Amino acid sequence: MSNKVANKSLIITLLLVSSFVLQAQKVGLVLSGGAAKGIAHIGVMKALEENDIPIDYVVGTSMGAVVGSLYAAGFSPEEIEAIVTNLTSKTGSMEYLQNAINTTILNRKTMLHG
């Protein structure tokens, strides 16, 4: 009788341990502020995608928040790079960048939803 209890305990323990092992890891991307760092984060996102590492959570501050919010909204790292580099090189104004991002997002929603 004690062998049956031990076997059941072993099976339950193995099932519990295997359920923890089989759970996928989550990846959180934390992006800091600063224009140069914000643009550098785009390279990190590209590298993660190239290595098939999915990003589950994105948080950021200042320029990192701008880059992170574009990624969370569905923009690819290449699209984000084009938006950020083209706009900042032409204007250098964060207000202009914000307006351009808003316009891009609205245009994308219009294209998707008619």
C-alpha atoms as a PDB file:
ATOM      1  CA  MET A   1       0.000   0.000   0.000  1.00  0.00           C
ATOM      2  CA  SER A   2       2.822   2.432   0.741  1.00  0.00           C
ATOM      3  CA  ASN A   3       4.287   1.770  -2.733  1.00  0.00           C
ATOM      4  CA  LYS A   4       1.015   2.888  -4.337  1.00  0.00           C
ATOM      5  CA  VAL A   5       1.020   6.088  -2.274  1.00  0.00           C
ATOM      6  CA  ALA A   6       4.665   6.733  -3.131  1.00  0.00           C
ATOM      7  CA  ASN A   7       4.007   6.114  -6.840  1.00  0.00           C
ATOM      8  CA  LYS A   8       1.008   8.467  -6.826  1.00  0.00           C
ATOM      9  CA  SER A   9       3.050  11.110  -5.019  1.00  0.00           C
ATOM     10  CA  LEU A  10       5.857  10.734  -7.534  1.00  0.00           C
ATOM     11  CA  ILE A  11       3.469  11.044 -10.484  1.00  0.00           C
ATOM     12  CA  ILE A  12       1.809  14.136  -9.019  1.00  0.00           C
ATOM     13  CA  THR A  13       5.194  15.704  -8.299  1.00  0.00           C
ATOM     14  CA  LEU A  14       6.400  15.016 -11.861  1.00  0.00           C
ATOM     15  CA  LEU A  15       3.230  16.506 -13.339  1.00  0.00           C
ATOM     16  CA  LEU A  16       3.587  19.652 -11.244  1.00  0.00           C
ATOM     17  CA  VAL A  17       7.266  20.070 -12.101  1.00  0.00           C
ATOM     18  CA  SER A  18       6.685  19.479 -15.814  1.00  0.00           C
ATOM     19  CA  SER A  19       3.918  22.088 -15.892  1.00  0.00           C
ATOM     20  CA  PHE A  20       6.386  24.697 -14.614  1.00  0.00           C
ATOM     21  CA  VAL A  21       9.047  23.640 -17.118  1.00  0.00           C
ATOM     22  CA  LEU A  22       6.648  23.722 -20.080  1.00  0.00           C
ATOM     23  CA  GLN A  23       5.511  27.293 -19.452  1.00  0.00           C
ATOM     24  CA  ALA A  24       7.028  29.715 -21.944  1.00  0.00           C
ATOM     25  CA  GLN A  25       9.207  32.497 -20.661  1.00  0.00           C
ATOM     26  CA  LYS A  26       7.986  36.065 -21.069  1.00  0.00           C
ATOM     27  CA  VAL A  27      10.207  38.809 -22.467  1.00  0.00           C
ATOM     28  CA  GLY A  28       9.859  42.375 -21.238  1.00  0.00           C
ATOM     29  CA  LEU A  29      11.591  45.157 -23.133  1.00  0.00           C
ATOM     30  CA  VAL A  30      12.505  48.203 -21.024  1.00  0.00           C
ATOM     31  CA  LEU A  31      13.449  51.289 -23.051  1.00  0.00           C
ATOM     32  CA  SER A  32      15.173  54.297 -21.507  1.00  0.00           C
ATOM     33  CA  GLY A  33      14.980  57.957 -22.441  1.00  0.00           C
ATOM     34  CA  GLY A  34      17.191  60.112 -24.602  1.00  0.00           C
ATOM     35  CA  ALA A  35      16.972  60.587 -28.354  1.00  0.00           C
ATOM     36  CA  ALA A  36      20.130  58.643 -29.232  1.00  0.00           C
ATOM     37  CA  LYS A  37      19.274  55.787 -26.886  1.00  0.00           C
ATOM     38  CA  GLY A  38      15.699  55.747 -28.165  1.00  0.00           C
ATOM     39  CA  ILE A  39      16.915  55.268 -31.695  1.00  0.00           C
ATOM     40  CA  ALA A  40      19.431  52.635 -30.546  1.00  0.00           C
ATOM     41  CA  HIS A  41      16.570  50.636 -29.016  1.00  0.00           C
ATOM     42  CA  ILE A  42      15.265  50.042 -32.535  1.00  0.00           C
ATOM     43  CA  GLY A  43      18.376  47.950 -33.238  1.00  0.00           C
ATOM     44  CA  VAL A  44      17.670  45.837 -30.170  1.00  0.00           C
ATOM     45  CA  MET A  45      14.112  45.207 -31.380  1.00  0.00           C
ATOM     46  CA  LYS A  46      15.466  44.188 -34.797  1.00  0.00           C
ATOM     47  CA  ALA A  47      17.924  41.761 -33.187  1.00  0.00           C
ATOM     48  CA  LEU A  48      15.195  40.207 -31.038  1.00  0.00           C
ATOM     49  CA  GLU A  49      12.953  39.721 -34.077  1.00  0.00           C
ATOM     50  CA  GLU A  50      15.814  38.292 -36.187  1.00  0.00           C
ATOM     51  CA  ASN A  51      16.408  35.704 -33.451  1.00  0.00           C
ATOM     52  CA  ASP A  52      12.694  34.872 -33.153  1.00  0.00           C
ATOM     53  CA  ILE A  53      12.460  36.189 -29.601  1.00  0.00           C
ATOM     54  CA  PRO A  54       8.923  37.505 -29.099  1.00  0.00           C
ATOM     55  CA  ILE A  55       8.439  40.652 -27.028  1.00  0.00           C
ATOM     56  CA  ASP A  56       5.554  40.250 -24.583  1.00  0.00           C
ATOM     57  CA  TYR A  57       5.790  43.520 -22.667  1.00  0.00           C
ATOM     58  CA  VAL A  58       7.122  46.949 -23.631  1.00  0.00           C
ATOM     59  CA  VAL A  59       7.740  49.864 -21.256  1.00  0.00           C
ATOM     60  CA  GLY A  60       9.678  53.040 -21.804  1.00  0.00           C
ATOM     61  CA  THR A  61      10.317  56.591 -20.769  1.00  0.00           C
ATOM     62  CA  SER A  62      10.717  59.684 -22.956  1.00  0.00           C
ATOM     63  CA  MET A  63      12.020  58.633 -26.384  1.00  0.00           C
ATOM     64  CA  GLY A  64      11.918  55.002 -25.271  1.00  0.00           C
ATOM     65  CA  ALA A  65       8.192  55.422 -24.679  1.00  0.00           C
ATOM     66  CA  VAL A  66       7.737  56.858 -28.175  1.00  0.00           C
ATOM     67  CA  VAL A  67       9.626  53.959 -29.769  1.00  0.00           C
ATOM     68  CA  GLY A  68       7.942  51.396 -27.503  1.00  0.00           C
ATOM     69  CA  SER A  69       4.438  52.714 -28.151  1.00  0.00           C
ATOM     70  CA  LEU A  70       4.997  52.548 -31.912  1.00  0.00           C
ATOM     71  CA  TYR A  71       6.154  48.944 -31.571  1.00  0.00           C
ATOM     72  CA  ALA A  72       3.189  48.091 -29.342  1.00  0.00           C
ATOM     73  CA  ALA A  73       0.885  49.700 -31.923  1.00  0.00           C
ATOM     74  CA  GLY A  74       2.124  47.217 -34.516  1.00  0.00           C
ATOM     75  CA  PHE A  75       4.845  49.123 -36.341  1.00  0.00           C
ATOM     76  CA  SER A  76       7.888  47.072 -37.351  1.00  0.00           C
ATOM     77  CA  PRO A  77      11.347  48.167 -36.190  1.00  0.00           C
ATOM     78  CA  GLU A  78      12.108  49.171 -39.793  1.00  0.00           C
ATOM     79  CA  GLU A  79       9.003  51.394 -39.940  1.00  0.00           C
ATOM     80  CA  ILE A  80       9.860  52.958 -36.589  1.00  0.00           C
ATOM     81  CA  GLU A  81      13.415  53.633 -37.721  1.00  0.00           C
ATOM     82  CA  ALA A  82      12.165  55.341 -40.891  1.00  0.00           C
ATOM     83  CA  ILE A  83       9.690  57.491 -38.946  1.00  0.00           C
ATOM     84  CA  VAL A  84      12.130  58.537 -36.237  1.00  0.00           C
ATOM     85  CA  THR A  85      15.205  59.159 -38.384  1.00  0.00           C
ATOM     86  CA  ASN A  86      13.366  61.011 -41.161  1.00  0.00           C
ATOM     87  CA  LEU A  87      11.441  63.274 -38.823  1.00  0.00           C
ATOM     88  CA  THR A  88      14.184  64.068 -36.345  1.00  0.00           C
ATOM     89  CA  SER A  89      16.722  64.794 -39.085  1.00  0.00           C
ATOM     90  CA  LYS A  90      14.341  67.212 -40.814  1.00  0.00           C
ATOM     91  CA  THR A  91      13.001  69.067 -37.816  1.00  0.00           C
ATOM     92  CA  GLY A  92      14.739  68.184 -34.579  1.00  0.00           C
ATOM     93  CA  SER A  93      11.433  68.997 -32.891  1.00  0.00           C
ATOM     94  CA  MET A  94       9.770  66.445 -30.624  1.00  0.00           C
ATOM     95  CA  GLU A  95       6.423  68.242 -31.081  1.00  0.00           C
ATOM     96  CA  TYR A  96       6.694  67.767 -34.839  1.00  0.00           C
ATOM     97  CA  LEU A  97       7.649  64.124 -34.293  1.00  0.00           C
ATOM     98  CA  GLN A  98       4.604  63.571 -32.076  1.00  0.00           C
ATOM     99  CA  ASN A  99       2.262  65.160 -34.624  1.00  0.00           C
ATOM    100  CA  ALA A 100       3.749  63.067 -37.423  1.00  0.00           C
ATOM    101  CA  ILE A 101       3.357  59.880 -35.367  1.00  0.00           C
ATOM    102  CA  ASN A 102      -0.264  60.714 -34.609  1.00  0.00           C
ATOM    103  CA  THR A 103      -0.931  61.362 -38.297  1.00  0.00           C
ATOM    104  CA  THR A 104       0.761  58.073 -39.265  1.00  0.00           C
ATOM    105  CA  ILE A 105      -1.307  56.129 -36.739  1.00  0.00           C
ATOM    106  CA  LEU A 106      -4.545  57.774 -37.887  1.00  0.00           C
ATOM    107  CA  ASN A 107      -3.706  57.016 -41.537  1.00  0.00           C
ATOM    108  CA  ARG A 108      -2.989  53.398 -40.640  1.00  0.00           C
ATOM    109  CA  LYS A 109      -6.310  53.058 -38.785  1.00  0.00           C
ATOM    110  CA  THR A 110      -8.144  54.594 -41.747  1.00  0.00           C
ATOM    111  CA  MET A 111      -6.490  52.125 -44.135  1.00  0.00           C
ATOM    112  CA  LEU A 112      -7.378  49.172 -41.899  1.00  0.00           C
ATOM    113  CA  HIS A 113     -10.929  50.166 -41.022  1.00  0.00           C
ATOM    114  CA  GLY A 114     -11.962  52.156 -44.112  1.00  0.00           C
END
